[in-house]
């Protein structure tokens, strides 16, 4: 260095904690909305005889219902939805 001092420069978002909190809330809100939409379909599968999480996942996949991220259903993804409901 040539002896100059660095000025008080702040890098990044000074309100990062607020931005992060808002982002987390938005993700949770969207997940709750998706769970509310798919829950009636899960209940239909249960009425049709699906008893295990795996059977419910198979029923959702057979109906062409994608997960929130567009993937296939697995027992754990069904459990996550039921836990959220």
PDB file of N, CA and C in Angstrom:
ATOM      1  N   UNK A   1       0.838  -1.172   0.000  1.00  0.00           N
ATOM      2  CA  UNK A   1       0.000   0.000   0.000  1.00  0.00           C
ATOM      3  C   UNK A   1       0.882   1.234   0.000  1.00  0.00           C
ATOM      4  N   UNK A   2       0.326   2.314  -0.451  1.00  0.00           N
ATOM      5  CA  UNK A   2       1.098   3.540  -0.529  1.00  0.00           C
ATOM      6  C   UNK A   2       0.778   4.500   0.606  1.00  0.00           C
ATOM      7  N   UNK A   3       0.184   3.993   1.691  1.00  0.00           N
ATOM      8  CA  UNK A   3      -0.051   4.819   2.853  1.00  0.00           C
ATOM      9  C   UNK A   3      -1.426   5.469   2.892  1.00  0.00           C
ATOM     10  N   UNK A   4      -2.198   5.321   1.839  1.00  0.00           N
ATOM     11  CA  UNK A   4      -3.546   5.913   1.867  1.00  0.00           C
ATOM     12  C   UNK A   4      -4.478   5.038   2.693  1.00  0.00           C
ATOM     13  N   UNK A   5      -5.396   5.684   3.351  1.00  0.00           N
ATOM     14  CA  UNK A   5      -6.368   4.949   4.151  1.00  0.00           C
ATOM     15  C   UNK A   5      -7.602   4.634   3.326  1.00  0.00           C
ATOM     16  N   UNK A   6      -8.174   3.490   3.599  1.00  0.00           N
ATOM     17  CA  UNK A   6      -9.416   3.126   2.926  1.00  0.00           C
ATOM     18  C   UNK A   6     -10.552   3.956   3.514  1.00  0.00           C
ATOM     19  N   UNK A   7     -11.399   4.444   2.656  1.00  0.00           N
ATOM     20  CA  UNK A   7     -12.544   5.226   3.128  1.00  0.00           C
ATOM     21  C   UNK A   7     -13.621   4.279   3.640  1.00  0.00           C
ATOM     22  N   UNK A   8     -14.546   4.799   4.408  1.00  0.00           N
ATOM     23  CA  UNK A   8     -15.628   4.004   4.994  1.00  0.00           C
ATOM     24  C   UNK A   8     -16.615   3.515   3.946  1.00  0.00           C
ATOM     25  N   UNK A   9     -16.199   2.569   3.151  1.00  0.00           N
ATOM     26  CA  UNK A   9     -17.049   2.021   2.098  1.00  0.00           C
ATOM     27  C   UNK A   9     -17.718   0.755   2.618  1.00  0.00           C
ATOM     28  N   UNK A  10     -19.038   0.713   2.463  1.00  0.00           N
ATOM     29  CA  UNK A  10     -19.785  -0.468   2.869  1.00  0.00           C
ATOM     30  C   UNK A  10     -20.156  -1.254   1.623  1.00  0.00           C
ATOM     31  N   UNK A  11     -19.749  -2.496   1.596  1.00  0.00           N
ATOM     32  CA  UNK A  11     -20.068  -3.350   0.469  1.00  0.00           C
ATOM     33  C   UNK A  11     -21.308  -4.172   0.788  1.00  0.00           C
ATOM     34  N   UNK A  12     -22.088  -4.473  -0.231  1.00  0.00           N
ATOM     35  CA  UNK A  12     -23.275  -5.300  -0.050  1.00  0.00           C
ATOM     36  C   UNK A  12     -24.480  -4.473   0.336  1.00  0.00           C
ATOM     37  N   UNK A  13     -25.540  -5.154   0.680  1.00  0.00           N
ATOM     38  CA  UNK A  13     -26.788  -4.517   1.040  1.00  0.00           C
ATOM     39  C   UNK A  13     -26.777  -4.196   2.527  1.00  0.00           C
ATOM     40  N   UNK A  14     -26.847  -2.911   2.894  1.00  0.00           N
ATOM     41  CA  UNK A  14     -26.819  -2.570   4.326  1.00  0.00           C
ATOM     42  C   UNK A  14     -28.059  -3.062   5.071  1.00  0.00           C
ATOM     43  N   UNK A  15     -29.113  -3.399   4.347  1.00  0.00           N
ATOM     44  CA  UNK A  15     -30.337  -3.915   4.969  1.00  0.00           C
ATOM     45  C   UNK A  15     -30.524  -5.388   4.623  1.00  0.00           C
ATOM     46  N   UNK A  16     -29.431  -6.134   4.604  1.00  0.00           N
ATOM     47  CA  UNK A  16     -29.465  -7.540   4.210  1.00  0.00           C
ATOM     48  C   UNK A  16     -30.396  -8.356   5.095  1.00  0.00           C
ATOM     49  N   UNK A  17     -30.377  -8.101   6.397  1.00  0.00           N
ATOM     50  CA  UNK A  17     -31.238  -8.873   7.299  1.00  0.00           C
ATOM     51  C   UNK A  17     -32.716  -8.672   6.959  1.00  0.00           C
ATOM     52  N   UNK A  18     -33.097  -7.477   6.576  1.00  0.00           N
ATOM     53  CA  UNK A  18     -34.483  -7.211   6.195  1.00  0.00           C
ATOM     54  C   UNK A  18     -34.814  -7.900   4.880  1.00  0.00           C
ATOM     55  N   UNK A  19     -33.911  -7.809   3.918  1.00  0.00           N
ATOM     56  CA  UNK A  19     -34.134  -8.453   2.620  1.00  0.00           C
ATOM     57  C   UNK A  19     -34.235  -9.969   2.778  1.00  0.00           C
ATOM     58  N   UNK A  20     -33.374 -10.539   3.597  1.00  0.00           N
ATOM     59  CA  UNK A  20     -33.398 -11.986   3.828  1.00  0.00           C
ATOM     60  C   UNK A  20     -34.701 -12.405   4.498  1.00  0.00           C
ATOM     61  N   UNK A  21     -35.137 -11.638   5.485  1.00  0.00           N
ATOM     62  CA  UNK A  21     -36.393 -11.940   6.182  1.00  0.00           C
ATOM     63  C   UNK A  21     -37.570 -11.897   5.210  1.00  0.00           C
ATOM     64  N   UNK A  22     -37.612 -10.886   4.364  1.00  0.00           N
ATOM     65  CA  UNK A  22     -38.694 -10.770   3.382  1.00  0.00           C
ATOM     66  C   UNK A  22     -38.676 -11.930   2.397  1.00  0.00           C
ATOM     67  N   UNK A  23     -37.493 -12.348   1.980  1.00  0.00           N
ATOM     68  CA  UNK A  23     -37.376 -13.466   1.044  1.00  0.00           C
ATOM     69  C   UNK A  23     -37.859 -14.761   1.681  1.00  0.00           C
ATOM     70  N   UNK A  24     -37.484 -15.008   2.912  1.00  0.00           N
ATOM     71  CA  UNK A  24     -37.906 -16.222   3.622  1.00  0.00           C
ATOM     72  C   UNK A  24     -39.424 -16.236   3.778  1.00  0.00           C
ATOM     73  N   UNK A  25     -39.997 -15.089   4.125  1.00  0.00           N
ATOM     74  CA  UNK A  25     -41.450 -15.005   4.264  1.00  0.00           C
ATOM     75  C   UNK A  25     -42.150 -15.282   2.940  1.00  0.00           C
ATOM     76  N   UNK A  26     -41.591 -14.783   1.849  1.00  0.00           N
ATOM     77  CA  UNK A  26     -42.192 -15.000   0.526  1.00  0.00           C
ATOM     78  C   UNK A  26     -42.146 -16.480   0.148  1.00  0.00           C
ATOM     79  N   UNK A  27     -41.037 -17.146   0.430  1.00  0.00           N
ATOM     80  CA  UNK A  27     -40.903 -18.573   0.126  1.00  0.00           C
ATOM     81  C   UNK A  27     -41.903 -19.378   0.956  1.00  0.00           C
ATOM     82  N   UNK A  28     -42.025 -19.052   2.231  1.00  0.00           N
ATOM     83  CA  UNK A  28     -42.972 -19.774   3.095  1.00  0.00           C
ATOM     84  C   UNK A  28     -44.408 -19.557   2.645  1.00  0.00           C
ATOM     85  N   UNK A  29     -44.733 -18.339   2.258  1.00  0.00           N
ATOM     86  CA  UNK A  29     -46.086 -18.037   1.786  1.00  0.00           C
ATOM     87  C   UNK A  29     -46.414 -18.838   0.539  1.00  0.00           C
ATOM     88  N   UNK A  30     -45.472 -18.906  -0.389  1.00  0.00           N
ATOM     89  CA  UNK A  30     -45.693 -19.670  -1.620  1.00  0.00           C
ATOM     90  C   UNK A  30     -45.827 -21.160  -1.322  1.00  0.00           C
ATOM     91  N   UNK A  31     -45.016 -21.672  -0.394  1.00  0.00           N
ATOM     92  CA  UNK A  31     -45.092 -23.087  -0.022  1.00  0.00           C
ATOM     93  C   UNK A  31     -46.439 -23.396   0.633  1.00  0.00           C
ATOM     94  N   UNK A  32     -46.921 -22.499   1.476  1.00  0.00           N
ATOM     95  CA  UNK A  32     -48.227 -22.691   2.107  1.00  0.00           C
ATOM     96  C   UNK A  32     -49.339 -22.700   1.055  1.00  0.00           C
ATOM     97  N   UNK A  33     -49.240 -21.799   0.082  1.00  0.00           N
ATOM     98  CA  UNK A  33     -50.243 -21.721  -0.977  1.00  0.00           C
ATOM     99  C   UNK A  33     -50.254 -23.008  -1.794  1.00  0.00           C
ATOM    100  N   UNK A  34     -49.079 -23.507  -2.145  1.00  0.00           N
ATOM    101  CA  UNK A  34     -48.998 -24.739  -2.926  1.00  0.00           C
ATOM    102  C   UNK A  34     -49.566 -25.919  -2.134  1.00  0.00           C
ATOM    103  N   UNK A  35     -49.206 -25.992  -0.861  1.00  0.00           N
ATOM    104  CA  UNK A  35     -49.699 -27.082  -0.012  1.00  0.00           C
ATOM    105  C   UNK A  35     -51.221 -27.044   0.067  1.00  0.00           C
ATOM    106  N   UNK A  36     -51.793 -25.861   0.197  1.00  0.00           N
ATOM    107  CA  UNK A  36     -53.251 -25.734   0.273  1.00  0.00           C
ATOM    108  C   UNK A  36     -53.906 -26.199  -1.026  1.00  0.00           C
ATOM    109  N   UNK A  37     -53.246 -25.987  -2.157  1.00  0.00           N
ATOM    110  CA  UNK A  37     -53.803 -26.402  -3.447  1.00  0.00           C
ATOM    111  C   UNK A  37     -53.708 -27.906  -3.683  1.00  0.00           C
ATOM    112  N   UNK A  38     -52.636 -28.524  -3.211  1.00  0.00           N
ATOM    113  CA  UNK A  38     -52.439 -29.950  -3.485  1.00  0.00           C
ATOM    114  C   UNK A  38     -53.073 -30.841  -2.404  1.00  0.00           C
ATOM    115  N   UNK A  39     -53.359 -30.286  -1.257  1.00  0.00           N
ATOM    116  CA  UNK A  39     -53.925 -31.082  -0.167  1.00  0.00           C
ATOM    117  C   UNK A  39     -55.255 -31.754  -0.547  1.00  0.00           C
ATOM    118  N   UNK A  40     -56.185 -31.071  -1.223  1.00  0.00           N
ATOM    119  CA  UNK A  40     -57.417 -31.766  -1.617  1.00  0.00           C
ATOM    120  C   UNK A  40     -57.167 -32.963  -2.544  1.00  0.00           C
ATOM    121  N   UNK A  41     -56.148 -32.876  -3.373  1.00  0.00           N
ATOM    122  CA  UNK A  41     -55.813 -33.990  -4.264  1.00  0.00           C
ATOM    123  C   UNK A  41     -55.268 -35.157  -3.447  1.00  0.00           C
ATOM    124  N   UNK A  42     -54.483 -34.841  -2.431  1.00  0.00           N
ATOM    125  CA  UNK A  42     -53.965 -35.882  -1.533  1.00  0.00           C
ATOM    126  C   UNK A  42     -55.136 -36.561  -0.809  1.00  0.00           C
ATOM    127  N   UNK A  43     -56.081 -35.768  -0.356  1.00  0.00           N
ATOM    128  CA  UNK A  43     -57.246 -36.332   0.344  1.00  0.00           C
ATOM    129  C   UNK A  43     -58.060 -37.234  -0.585  1.00  0.00           C
ATOM    130  N   UNK A  44     -58.178 -36.842  -1.853  1.00  0.00           N
ATOM    131  CA  UNK A  44     -58.871 -37.690  -2.834  1.00  0.00           C
ATOM    132  C   UNK A  44     -58.157 -39.023  -3.002  1.00  0.00           C
ATOM    133  N   UNK A  45     -56.825 -38.971  -3.078  1.00  0.00           N
ATOM    134  CA  UNK A  45     -56.044 -40.201  -3.230  1.00  0.00           C
ATOM    135  C   UNK A  45     -56.239 -41.099  -2.012  1.00  0.00           C
ATOM    136  N   UNK A  46     -56.305 -40.493  -0.842  1.00  0.00           N
ATOM    137  CA  UNK A  46     -56.533 -41.282   0.369  1.00  0.00           C
ATOM    138  C   UNK A  46     -57.916 -41.930   0.353  1.00  0.00           C
ATOM    139  N   UNK A  47     -58.929 -41.188  -0.091  1.00  0.00           N
ATOM    140  CA  UNK A  47     -60.281 -41.749  -0.180  1.00  0.00           C
ATOM    141  C   UNK A  47     -60.350 -42.876  -1.196  1.00  0.00           C
ATOM    142  N   UNK A  48     -59.478 -42.788  -2.211  1.00  0.00           N
ATOM    143  CA  UNK A  48     -59.453 -43.821  -3.253  1.00  0.00           C
ATOM    144  C   UNK A  48     -58.655 -45.051  -2.816  1.00  0.00           C
ATOM    145  N   UNK A  49     -58.089 -45.020  -1.616  1.00  0.00           N
ATOM    146  CA  UNK A  49     -57.411 -46.202  -1.098  1.00  0.00           C
ATOM    147  C   UNK A  49     -55.924 -46.075  -0.840  1.00  0.00           C
ATOM    148  N   UNK A  50     -55.314 -44.940  -1.185  1.00  0.00           N
ATOM    149  CA  UNK A  50     -53.888 -44.755  -0.910  1.00  0.00           C
ATOM    150  C   UNK A  50     -53.702 -44.568   0.595  1.00  0.00           C
ATOM    151  N   UNK A  51     -52.961 -45.459   1.210  1.00  0.00           N
ATOM    152  CA  UNK A  51     -52.794 -45.422   2.667  1.00  0.00           C
ATOM    153  C   UNK A  51     -51.416 -44.941   3.107  1.00  0.00           C
ATOM    154  N   UNK A  52     -50.387 -45.318   2.385  1.00  0.00           N
ATOM    155  CA  UNK A  52     -49.036 -44.935   2.787  1.00  0.00           C
ATOM    156  C   UNK A  52     -48.601 -43.678   2.033  1.00  0.00           C
ATOM    157  N   UNK A  53     -47.566 -43.050   2.541  1.00  0.00           N
ATOM    158  CA  UNK A  53     -47.014 -41.873   1.858  1.00  0.00           C
ATOM    159  C   UNK A  53     -46.551 -42.241   0.452  1.00  0.00           C
ATOM    160  N   UNK A  54     -45.969 -43.416   0.326  1.00  0.00           N
ATOM    161  CA  UNK A  54     -45.498 -43.877  -0.992  1.00  0.00           C
ATOM    162  C   UNK A  54     -46.669 -44.051  -1.956  1.00  0.00           C
ATOM    163  N   UNK A  55     -47.775 -44.634  -1.479  1.00  0.00           N
ATOM    164  CA  UNK A  55     -48.952 -44.805  -2.330  1.00  0.00           C
ATOM    165  C   UNK A  55     -49.544 -43.464  -2.753  1.00  0.00           C
ATOM    166  N   UNK A  56     -49.544 -42.504  -1.842  1.00  0.00           N
ATOM    167  CA  UNK A  56     -50.043 -41.164  -2.176  1.00  0.00           C
ATOM    168  C   UNK A  56     -49.130 -40.524  -3.230  1.00  0.00           C
ATOM    169  N   UNK A  57     -47.824 -40.669  -3.060  1.00  0.00           N
ATOM    170  CA  UNK A  57     -46.877 -40.127  -4.039  1.00  0.00           C
ATOM    171  C   UNK A  57     -47.097 -40.763  -5.404  1.00  0.00           C
ATOM    172  N   UNK A  58     -47.300 -42.063  -5.429  1.00  0.00           N
ATOM    173  CA  UNK A  58     -47.557 -42.760  -6.701  1.00  0.00           C
ATOM    174  C   UNK A  58     -48.834 -42.251  -7.353  1.00  0.00           C
ATOM    175  N   UNK A  59     -49.863 -41.993  -6.542  1.00  0.00           N
ATOM    176  CA  UNK A  59     -51.130 -41.482  -7.069  1.00  0.00           C
ATOM    177  C   UNK A  59     -50.955 -40.089  -7.663  1.00  0.00           C
ATOM    178  N   UNK A  60     -50.202 -39.232  -6.984  1.00  0.00           N
ATOM    179  CA  UNK A  60     -49.950 -37.883  -7.500  1.00  0.00           C
ATOM    180  C   UNK A  60     -49.166 -37.939  -8.806  1.00  0.00           C
ATOM    181  N   UNK A  61     -48.149 -38.790  -8.841  1.00  0.00           N
ATOM    182  CA  UNK A  61     -47.360 -38.941 -10.070  1.00  0.00           C
ATOM    183  C   UNK A  61     -48.211 -39.494 -11.211  1.00  0.00           C
ATOM    184  N   UNK A  62     -49.090 -40.460 -10.909  1.00  0.00           N
ATOM    185  CA  UNK A  62     -49.949 -41.060 -11.934  1.00  0.00           C
ATOM    186  C   UNK A  62     -50.922 -40.026 -12.511  1.00  0.00           C
ATOM    187  N   UNK A  63     -51.326 -39.087 -11.691  1.00  0.00           N
ATOM    188  CA  UNK A  63     -52.237 -38.032 -12.149  1.00  0.00           C
ATOM    189  C   UNK A  63     -51.511 -36.902 -12.877  1.00  0.00           C
ATOM    190  N   UNK A  64     -50.194 -36.961 -12.881  1.00  0.00           N
ATOM    191  CA  UNK A  64     -49.426 -35.917 -13.565  1.00  0.00           C
ATOM    192  C   UNK A  64     -49.282 -34.629 -12.764  1.00  0.00           C
ATOM    193  N   UNK A  65     -49.498 -34.723 -11.461  1.00  0.00           N
ATOM    194  CA  UNK A  65     -49.354 -33.553 -10.589  1.00  0.00           C
ATOM    195  C   UNK A  65     -47.873 -33.405 -10.261  1.00  0.00           C
ATOM    196  N   UNK A  66     -47.307 -32.275 -10.596  1.00  0.00           N
ATOM    197  CA  UNK A  66     -45.893 -32.027 -10.306  1.00  0.00           C
ATOM    198  C   UNK A  66     -45.748 -31.398  -8.923  1.00  0.00           C
ATOM    199  N   UNK A  67     -44.590 -31.574  -8.329  1.00  0.00           N
ATOM    200  CA  UNK A  67     -44.293 -30.897  -7.068  1.00  0.00           C
ATOM    201  C   UNK A  67     -44.158 -29.399  -7.346  1.00  0.00           C
ATOM    202  N   UNK A  68     -43.990 -28.636  -6.313  1.00  0.00           N
ATOM    203  CA  UNK A  68     -43.873 -27.176  -6.456  1.00  0.00           C
ATOM    204  C   UNK A  68     -42.704 -26.792  -7.361  1.00  0.00           C
ATOM    205  N   UNK A  69     -41.683 -27.606  -7.379  1.00  0.00           N
ATOM    206  CA  UNK A  69     -40.513 -27.331  -8.227  1.00  0.00           C
ATOM    207  C   UNK A  69     -40.544 -28.099  -9.540  1.00  0.00           C
ATOM    208  N   UNK A  70     -41.672 -28.720  -9.821  1.00  0.00           N
ATOM    209  CA  UNK A  70     -41.835 -29.396 -11.102  1.00  0.00           C
ATOM    210  C   UNK A  70     -41.336 -30.819 -11.163  1.00  0.00           C
ATOM    211  N   UNK A  71     -41.011 -31.395 -10.022  1.00  0.00           N
ATOM    212  CA  UNK A  71     -40.467 -32.752 -10.008  1.00  0.00           C
ATOM    213  C   UNK A  71     -41.504 -33.810  -9.678  1.00  0.00           C
ATOM    214  N   UNK A  72     -41.005 -35.002  -9.412  1.00  0.00           N
ATOM    215  CA  UNK A  72     -41.857 -36.130  -9.052  1.00  0.00           C
ATOM    216  C   UNK A  72     -42.074 -36.153  -7.547  1.00  0.00           C
ATOM    217  N   UNK A  73     -43.135 -36.811  -7.162  1.00  0.00           N
ATOM    218  CA  UNK A  73     -43.459 -36.970  -5.754  1.00  0.00           C
ATOM    219  C   UNK A  73     -42.757 -38.192  -5.178  1.00  0.00           C
ATOM    220  N   UNK A  74     -42.331 -38.062  -3.941  1.00  0.00           N
ATOM    221  CA  UNK A  74     -41.761 -39.150  -3.155  1.00  0.00           C
ATOM    222  C   UNK A  74     -42.465 -39.135  -1.805  1.00  0.00           C
ATOM    223  N   UNK A  75     -42.293 -40.180  -1.033  1.00  0.00           N
ATOM    224  CA  UNK A  75     -42.943 -40.258   0.275  1.00  0.00           C
ATOM    225  C   UNK A  75     -42.611 -39.030   1.121  1.00  0.00           C
ATOM    226  N   UNK A  76     -41.361 -38.595   1.109  1.00  0.00           N
ATOM    227  CA  UNK A  76     -40.972 -37.457   1.939  1.00  0.00           C
ATOM    228  C   UNK A  76     -41.601 -36.156   1.475  1.00  0.00           C
ATOM    229  N   UNK A  77     -41.752 -35.985   0.171  1.00  0.00           N
ATOM    230  CA  UNK A  77     -42.381 -34.745  -0.317  1.00  0.00           C
ATOM    231  C   UNK A  77     -43.856 -34.706   0.079  1.00  0.00           C
ATOM    232  N   UNK A  78     -44.517 -35.864   0.097  1.00  0.00           N
ATOM    233  CA  UNK A  78     -45.902 -35.930   0.566  1.00  0.00           C
ATOM    234  C   UNK A  78     -45.933 -35.617   2.075  1.00  0.00           C
ATOM    235  N   UNK A  79     -45.017 -36.194   2.828  1.00  0.00           N
ATOM    236  CA  UNK A  79     -44.945 -35.941   4.268  1.00  0.00           C
ATOM    237  C   UNK A  79     -44.742 -34.450   4.548  1.00  0.00           C
ATOM    238  N   UNK A  80     -43.925 -33.793   3.743  1.00  0.00           N
ATOM    239  CA  UNK A  80     -43.684 -32.356   3.918  1.00  0.00           C
ATOM    240  C   UNK A  80     -44.962 -31.563   3.722  1.00  0.00           C
ATOM    241  N   UNK A  81     -45.741 -31.916   2.719  1.00  0.00           N
ATOM    242  CA  UNK A  81     -47.003 -31.219   2.453  1.00  0.00           C
ATOM    243  C   UNK A  81     -47.978 -31.445   3.619  1.00  0.00           C
ATOM    244  N   UNK A  82     -48.083 -32.688   4.065  1.00  0.00           N
ATOM    245  CA  UNK A  82     -49.001 -32.994   5.163  1.00  0.00           C
ATOM    246  C   UNK A  82     -48.580 -32.283   6.451  1.00  0.00           C
ATOM    247  N   UNK A  83     -47.289 -32.171   6.671  1.00  0.00           N
ATOM    248  CA  UNK A  83     -46.793 -31.472   7.859  1.00  0.00           C
ATOM    249  C   UNK A  83     -47.103 -29.977   7.778  1.00  0.00           C
ATOM    250  N   UNK A  84     -47.027 -29.421   6.585  1.00  0.00           N
ATOM    251  CA  UNK A  84     -47.284 -27.999   6.385  1.00  0.00           C
ATOM    252  C   UNK A  84     -48.767 -27.675   6.532  1.00  0.00           C
ATOM    253  N   UNK A  85     -49.616 -28.642   6.222  1.00  0.00           N
ATOM    254  CA  UNK A  85     -51.076 -28.397   6.229  1.00  0.00           C
ATOM    255  C   UNK A  85     -51.614 -28.275   7.652  1.00  0.00           C
TER     256      UNK A  85
END
